[in-house]
Amino acid sequence: MQRAIDWVDDEIRLIDQTRLPDELVFLRVTALDPLIDAIARLAVRGAPALGVAGALGVAQLARTHADDEAAVREGAARLRAARPTAVNLAWGVDRALSRLGDGAAAVLEEALAIRDEDIAACAAIAVRGADLVEELVARRPIRVMTICNTGALATVERGTALGVIGELFERGTLEEALPLETRPLLQGSRLTAWELAQMGAPFRLLVDGAAASVLARGLADVVLIGADRITANGDTANKVGSFSLALAARHAGVPFLAIAPETTVDPATPDGDAIEIEERGADEVVAFRGVRSAPEGTRTLNPAFDVTPASLITAIVTDRRVVRTDRGETPA
């Protein structure tokens, strides 16, 4: 599969994930407002991909406003605030912005380094994560449950949690993946199922409400999630529904692993209570693709993320290390 986000012909090129699985459409982004719009409407999403998007956005600003540092910084602040929960977006913006004094070429060089580091990080995560899954799970072949989309679409290439599933498949130790549909925008059924089909891996799609009973029945051996922010104490923000999945995994005695690049660890955030949880609009809940599913005027509560306490996580896997939270280890 082509890269989910890249710098091509002096432009940001990204897959419009809102068009999947029906169409594979690439957006060519040449200005700040279209990039912020792509982030806000989830055309580009996933913490690592957002970090790359933020960095490339700053590079584009630096080239557009080569003689106006204030304009670059103002635009970067808007870009940084486009989505608040995922730490990688702000991190990517800040890291690229740190090279602004060296000129636009240096900013682009830094943004491309972030892209290349993400590719390398995901390759390392896949191996380290698969090694840990095979260590923790005695059964062969292995049945893996996951939520949302953590594959190549959420990064530049390969992915995080779904990258681990892909590695298990390549090793011949995967029996099947069990992705959850992931309400309300169905990233699991639209994106993860599409990626699994692309790689030829065996999978069965579950409705979100089936996860707990499937785990309780012993039909999954391990749960893998991604992460949008990992705090100093090991609490993890991820797609809403992850906390429920962790509770169900604990009840079933199934290992629960959070898989993310080291850049998602935020030592400045002490615990999950300090994470700002993004609240999204009612349209995502009361309708889907323009078709209304609730009475007119229905009010909603639509948090995009939830926080899983470190006490419910078996281990955190990054490209650099394994943090055994079940043994009292913390990312800090």
Protein backbone atom coordinates (compact mmCIF):
# COMPACT_ATOMS: atom_id res chain seq x y z
CA MET A 1 0.00 0.00 0.00
CA GLN A 2 1.18 3.53 -0.73
CA ARG A 3 2.13 5.74 2.20
CA ALA A 4 -0.81 7.16 4.13
CA ILE A 5 0.91 10.56 4.26
CA ASP A 6 3.99 11.84 2.46
CA TRP A 7 5.72 14.85 0.90
CA VAL A 8 5.47 14.57 -2.90
CA ASP A 9 6.31 17.24 -5.48
CA ASP A 10 6.54 19.97 -2.81
CA GLU A 11 3.07 19.15 -1.47
CA ILE A 12 1.55 17.08 1.32
CA ARG A 13 -0.10 14.00 -0.15
CA LEU A 14 -2.39 11.94 2.06
CA ILE A 15 -5.03 9.25 1.73
CA ASP A 16 -8.52 10.62 2.38
CA GLN A 17 -9.63 8.04 4.91
CA THR A 18 -13.23 9.26 4.85
CA ARG A 19 -13.53 7.77 1.35
CA LEU A 20 -12.46 4.27 2.36
CA PRO A 21 -13.30 1.45 1.84
CA ASP A 22 -15.21 2.51 -1.27
CA GLU A 23 -12.45 4.54 -2.93
CA LEU A 24 -8.71 5.04 -2.51
CA VAL A 25 -8.43 8.80 -2.97
CA PHE A 26 -5.34 10.94 -2.39
CA LEU A 27 -5.56 14.57 -1.31
CA ARG A 28 -2.88 17.03 -2.36
CA VAL A 29 -2.68 19.68 0.35
CA THR A 30 -0.96 22.96 -0.42
CA ALA A 31 -2.24 25.31 2.32
CA LEU A 32 -2.95 25.42 6.03
CA ASP A 33 -6.75 25.58 6.03
CA PRO A 34 -7.22 22.42 3.91
CA LEU A 35 -4.77 20.59 6.18
CA ILE A 36 -6.62 21.62 9.34
CA ASP A 37 -9.87 20.58 7.66
CA ALA A 38 -8.39 17.18 6.73
CA ILE A 39 -7.32 16.67 10.36
CA ALA A 40 -10.63 17.83 11.84
CA ARG A 41 -12.80 15.63 9.61
CA LEU A 42 -10.44 12.64 10.04
CA ALA A 43 -9.28 12.44 6.45
CA VAL A 44 -5.91 11.98 8.15
CA ARG A 45 -5.96 10.44 11.63
CA GLY A 46 -3.95 8.25 13.97
CA ALA A 47 -1.45 9.73 16.40
CA PRO A 48 1.76 8.99 14.44
CA ALA A 49 0.26 10.19 11.14
CA LEU A 50 -0.90 13.37 12.87
CA GLY A 51 2.64 13.99 14.08
CA VAL A 52 3.90 13.76 10.51
CA ALA A 53 1.02 15.93 9.28
CA GLY A 54 1.84 18.59 11.87
CA ALA A 55 5.51 18.65 10.93
CA LEU A 56 4.84 18.76 7.19
CA GLY A 57 2.24 21.48 7.76
CA VAL A 58 4.85 23.65 9.48
CA ALA A 59 7.29 22.97 6.62
CA GLN A 60 4.66 24.12 4.16
CA LEU A 61 4.02 27.26 6.22
CA ALA A 62 7.75 28.02 6.35
CA ARG A 63 8.00 27.82 2.58
CA THR A 64 4.86 29.89 2.01
CA HIS A 65 5.80 32.61 4.51
CA ALA A 66 9.57 32.54 4.16
CA ASP A 67 9.90 36.19 5.20
CA ASP A 68 7.20 36.28 7.87
CA GLU A 69 8.10 34.30 10.98
CA ALA A 70 5.06 35.63 12.85
CA ALA A 71 2.71 34.22 10.20
CA VAL A 72 4.41 30.83 10.43
CA ARG A 73 4.10 30.74 14.20
CA GLU A 74 0.47 31.87 14.10
CA GLY A 75 -0.40 29.17 11.57
CA ALA A 76 1.53 26.57 13.56
CA ALA A 77 -0.48 27.43 16.68
CA ARG A 78 -3.73 26.86 14.78
CA LEU A 79 -2.44 23.57 13.40
CA ARG A 80 -1.25 22.44 16.83
CA ALA A 81 -4.75 22.94 18.28
CA ALA A 82 -6.63 21.11 15.51
CA ARG A 83 -7.07 18.02 17.73
CA PRO A 84 -6.18 18.18 21.43
CA THR A 85 -5.90 14.60 22.73
CA ALA A 86 -3.20 13.05 20.53
CA VAL A 87 0.19 14.28 21.74
CA ASN A 88 1.94 13.57 18.44
CA LEU A 89 0.27 16.42 16.55
CA ALA A 90 1.60 19.07 18.92
CA TRP A 91 4.95 17.26 19.16
CA GLY A 92 5.38 17.19 15.37
CA VAL A 93 4.47 20.88 15.05
CA ASP A 94 6.84 21.89 17.84
CA ARG A 95 9.76 19.83 16.59
CA ALA A 96 9.53 21.20 13.04
CA LEU A 97 9.03 24.71 14.38
CA SER A 98 12.24 24.40 16.40
CA ARG A 99 14.21 24.60 13.11
CA LEU A 100 12.47 27.75 11.88
CA GLY A 101 15.48 29.94 12.66
CA ASP A 102 17.55 27.86 10.24
CA GLY A 103 15.27 28.54 7.29
CA ALA A 104 12.50 26.79 5.39
CA ALA A 105 14.77 24.07 4.00
CA ALA A 106 15.81 23.09 7.53
CA VAL A 107 12.18 22.92 8.66
CA LEU A 108 11.36 20.59 5.76
CA GLU A 109 14.44 18.49 6.54
CA GLU A 110 13.19 18.07 10.12
CA ALA A 111 9.66 17.17 8.97
CA LEU A 112 11.01 14.52 6.59
CA ALA A 113 13.19 13.15 9.39
CA ILE A 114 10.03 12.75 11.51
CA ARG A 115 8.39 10.87 8.62
CA ASP A 116 11.37 8.55 8.21
CA GLU A 117 11.68 7.97 11.96
CA ASP A 118 8.02 6.94 12.08
CA ILE A 119 8.59 4.36 9.36
CA ALA A 120 11.54 2.92 11.29
CA ALA A 121 9.63 3.04 14.59
CA CYS A 122 6.70 1.07 13.21
CA ALA A 123 9.02 -1.61 11.83
CA ALA A 124 10.62 -1.97 15.28
CA ILE A 125 7.25 -1.95 17.05
CA ALA A 126 5.96 -4.79 14.86
CA VAL A 127 8.85 -7.08 15.81
CA ARG A 128 8.95 -6.16 19.51
CA GLY A 129 5.17 -6.40 19.85
CA ALA A 130 4.93 -9.75 18.06
CA ASP A 131 7.74 -11.14 20.21
CA LEU A 132 5.86 -10.13 23.38
CA VAL A 133 2.54 -11.54 22.16
CA GLU A 134 4.20 -14.86 21.40
CA GLU A 135 5.81 -14.81 24.85
CA LEU A 136 2.56 -14.07 26.68
CA VAL A 137 0.22 -16.35 24.72
CA ALA A 138 0.87 -20.08 24.87
CA ARG A 139 -1.86 -21.02 22.37
CA ARG A 140 -0.94 -21.40 18.69
CA PRO A 141 -2.10 -20.03 16.39
CA ILE A 142 -3.08 -16.76 18.12
CA ARG A 143 -6.40 -14.88 18.01
CA VAL A 144 -5.99 -11.12 18.40
CA MET A 145 -8.72 -8.58 19.21
CA THR A 146 -8.23 -4.90 18.38
CA ILE A 147 -10.18 -1.64 18.22
CA CYS A 148 -10.21 1.33 15.85
CA ASN A 149 -7.50 1.53 13.18
CA THR A 150 -3.82 1.28 14.06
CA GLY A 151 -2.40 0.18 10.73
CA ALA A 152 -0.52 1.90 7.93
CA LEU A 153 -3.39 4.37 7.62
CA ALA A 154 -2.69 5.66 11.13
CA THR A 155 1.04 6.05 10.54
CA VAL A 156 3.15 6.40 7.39
CA GLU A 157 3.70 2.70 6.77
CA ARG A 158 2.89 -0.61 8.51
CA GLY A 159 1.23 0.70 11.70
CA THR A 160 1.37 0.09 15.44
CA ALA A 161 -1.04 -2.48 16.92
CA LEU A 162 -2.16 -3.60 13.47
CA GLY A 163 1.49 -3.72 12.46
CA VAL A 164 2.01 -6.30 15.21
CA ILE A 165 -0.92 -8.30 13.84
CA GLY A 166 0.65 -8.11 10.39
CA GLU A 167 3.96 -9.36 11.78
CA LEU A 168 2.22 -12.31 13.47
CA PHE A 169 0.52 -13.11 10.16
CA GLU A 170 3.84 -13.03 8.32
CA ARG A 171 5.35 -15.36 10.94
CA GLY A 172 2.49 -17.83 10.52
CA THR A 173 1.35 -17.55 14.15
CA LEU A 174 -1.90 -15.62 13.59
CA GLU A 175 -5.13 -17.61 13.54
CA GLU A 176 -7.34 -14.57 13.03
CA ALA A 177 -7.74 -10.92 13.86
CA LEU A 178 -10.94 -9.79 15.56
CA PRO A 179 -11.35 -6.07 14.83
CA LEU A 180 -14.21 -4.15 16.44
CA GLU A 181 -16.34 -2.00 14.14
CA THR A 182 -15.56 1.06 16.34
CA ARG A 183 -18.54 3.35 16.62
CA PRO A 184 -19.45 5.99 15.76
CA LEU A 185 -17.30 6.41 12.62
CA LEU A 186 -16.54 2.71 12.05
CA GLN A 187 -12.78 3.00 11.70
CA GLY A 188 -12.58 -0.72 12.46
CA SER A 189 -14.98 -1.85 9.79
CA ARG A 190 -14.09 0.79 7.20
CA LEU A 191 -10.32 0.95 7.67
CA THR A 192 -8.94 -1.98 9.70
CA ALA A 193 -11.00 -4.55 7.81
CA TRP A 194 -9.82 -2.95 4.56
CA GLU A 195 -6.18 -3.14 5.63
CA LEU A 196 -6.50 -6.75 6.80
CA ALA A 197 -8.09 -7.66 3.46
CA GLN A 198 -5.25 -5.89 1.64
CA MET A 199 -2.64 -7.97 3.50
CA GLY A 200 -4.63 -11.20 3.08
CA ALA A 201 -4.83 -11.84 6.82
CA PRO A 202 -7.76 -13.87 8.22
CA PHE A 203 -10.22 -11.81 10.25
CA ARG A 204 -13.80 -11.60 11.48
CA LEU A 205 -15.41 -8.23 12.22
CA LEU A 206 -17.25 -7.74 15.53
CA VAL A 207 -19.79 -5.17 16.64
CA ASP A 208 -18.42 -3.23 19.59
CA GLY A 209 -20.99 -4.65 22.00
CA ALA A 210 -19.82 -8.22 21.31
CA ALA A 211 -16.26 -7.72 22.53
CA ALA A 212 -16.78 -8.49 26.21
CA SER A 213 -18.74 -11.68 25.63
CA VAL A 214 -16.28 -12.89 22.98
CA LEU A 215 -13.43 -12.44 25.45
CA ALA A 216 -15.40 -14.10 28.25
CA ARG A 217 -16.07 -17.10 25.98
CA GLY A 218 -12.34 -17.57 25.42
CA LEU A 219 -12.46 -16.72 21.73
CA ALA A 220 -9.55 -14.24 21.81
CA ASP A 221 -6.07 -14.69 23.28
CA VAL A 222 -4.80 -11.11 23.47
CA VAL A 223 -6.06 -7.55 23.00
CA LEU A 224 -3.96 -4.95 21.21
CA ILE A 225 -4.79 -1.25 21.12
CA GLY A 226 -2.98 1.84 19.90
CA ALA A 227 -2.52 5.02 21.91
CA ASP A 228 -2.92 8.72 21.30
CA ARG A 229 -1.19 9.72 24.53
CA ILE A 230 0.60 7.69 27.21
CA THR A 231 1.11 9.48 30.49
CA ALA A 232 4.05 9.34 32.87
CA ASN A 233 2.32 6.76 35.07
CA GLY A 234 1.24 4.56 32.13
CA ASP A 235 -2.41 5.61 31.77
CA THR A 236 -3.33 5.51 28.09
CA ALA A 237 -5.72 7.58 26.00
CA ASN A 238 -7.07 5.76 22.96
CA LYS A 239 -10.23 5.48 20.89
CA VAL A 240 -13.36 5.46 23.04
CA GLY A 241 -14.24 1.87 23.89
CA SER A 242 -10.68 0.92 24.82
CA PHE A 243 -11.37 1.25 28.55
CA SER A 244 -14.35 -1.11 28.28
CA LEU A 245 -12.18 -3.53 26.34
CA ALA A 246 -9.53 -3.43 29.07
CA LEU A 247 -12.12 -4.20 31.75
CA ALA A 248 -13.41 -7.14 29.72
CA ALA A 249 -9.89 -8.43 29.10
CA ARG A 250 -9.11 -8.26 32.82
CA HIS A 251 -12.29 -10.25 33.60
CA ALA A 252 -11.34 -12.86 31.00
CA GLY A 253 -7.68 -13.06 32.09
CA VAL A 254 -6.46 -11.98 28.64
CA PRO A 255 -3.31 -9.85 28.16
CA PHE A 256 -4.05 -6.24 27.18
CA LEU A 257 -1.26 -4.41 25.35
CA ALA A 258 -0.95 -0.76 24.32
CA ILE A 259 1.20 -0.38 21.20
CA ALA A 260 2.58 3.03 20.20
CA PRO A 261 5.78 4.81 19.21
CA GLU A 262 7.95 6.28 21.94
CA THR A 263 6.86 9.75 20.74
CA THR A 264 3.37 9.05 22.10
CA VAL A 265 4.74 8.83 25.66
CA ASP A 266 4.14 12.22 27.28
CA PRO A 267 6.16 12.51 30.50
CA ALA A 268 4.79 16.03 31.02
CA THR A 269 1.29 14.59 31.60
CA PRO A 270 1.33 12.85 35.00
CA ASP A 271 -1.78 10.67 34.61
CA GLY A 272 -4.99 10.16 32.70
CA ASP A 273 -6.92 12.77 34.66
CA ALA A 274 -4.73 15.45 33.07
CA ILE A 275 -5.56 14.45 29.48
CA GLU A 276 -7.95 16.69 27.56
CA ILE A 277 -10.56 14.42 25.96
CA GLU A 278 -11.78 15.65 22.59
CA GLU A 279 -15.55 16.02 22.35
CA ARG A 280 -16.89 15.73 18.81
CA GLY A 281 -20.14 16.81 17.21
CA ALA A 282 -23.57 15.21 17.39
CA ASP A 283 -23.72 14.45 13.66
CA GLU A 284 -21.29 11.55 14.12
CA VAL A 285 -23.71 9.85 16.52
CA VAL A 286 -27.19 10.67 15.20
CA ALA A 287 -26.38 9.95 11.55
CA PHE A 288 -23.91 8.10 9.36
CA ARG A 289 -22.90 9.30 5.91
CA GLY A 290 -25.89 11.59 5.82
CA VAL A 291 -28.49 9.00 6.86
CA ARG A 292 -30.20 9.92 10.15
CA SER A 293 -30.43 7.16 12.76
CA ALA A 294 -31.88 9.07 15.73
CA PRO A 295 -34.86 11.42 16.17
CA GLU A 296 -34.40 15.03 15.08
CA GLY A 297 -33.03 17.16 17.92
CA THR A 298 -31.40 14.28 19.82
CA ARG A 299 -28.60 15.54 22.09
CA THR A 300 -25.39 13.54 22.32
CA LEU A 301 -22.29 13.01 24.42
CA ASN A 302 -19.56 12.08 21.96
CA PRO A 303 -16.07 11.73 23.50
CA ALA A 304 -13.61 10.61 20.84
CA PHE A 305 -11.30 8.96 23.37
CA ASP A 306 -11.25 7.37 26.79
CA VAL A 307 -8.46 6.66 29.28
CA THR A 308 -7.41 3.16 30.30
CA PRO A 309 -5.67 3.11 33.71
CA ALA A 310 -2.20 1.60 33.80
CA SER A 311 -3.50 -0.95 36.31
CA LEU A 312 -5.53 -2.59 33.52
CA ILE A 313 -2.67 -2.68 30.99
CA THR A 314 -0.36 -5.69 30.85
CA ALA A 315 2.38 -3.89 28.95
CA ILE A 316 3.14 -0.86 26.81
CA VAL A 317 5.19 -1.60 23.70
CA THR A 318 7.09 1.14 21.88
CA ASP A 319 9.79 1.08 19.24
CA ARG A 320 12.42 1.35 21.99
CA ARG A 321 11.17 -0.77 24.91
CA VAL A 322 8.53 -2.85 26.64
CA VAL A 323 7.09 -1.33 29.82
CA ARG A 324 5.57 -4.08 31.98
CA THR A 325 2.88 -2.11 33.75
CA ASP A 326 1.60 -5.36 35.26
CA ARG A 327 4.89 -5.49 37.18
CA GLY A 328 4.67 -1.90 38.39
CA GLU A 329 6.87 -0.39 35.69
CA THR A 330 5.95 3.05 34.34
CA PRO A 331 7.00 4.89 31.15
CA ALA A 332 8.64 7.56 33.29
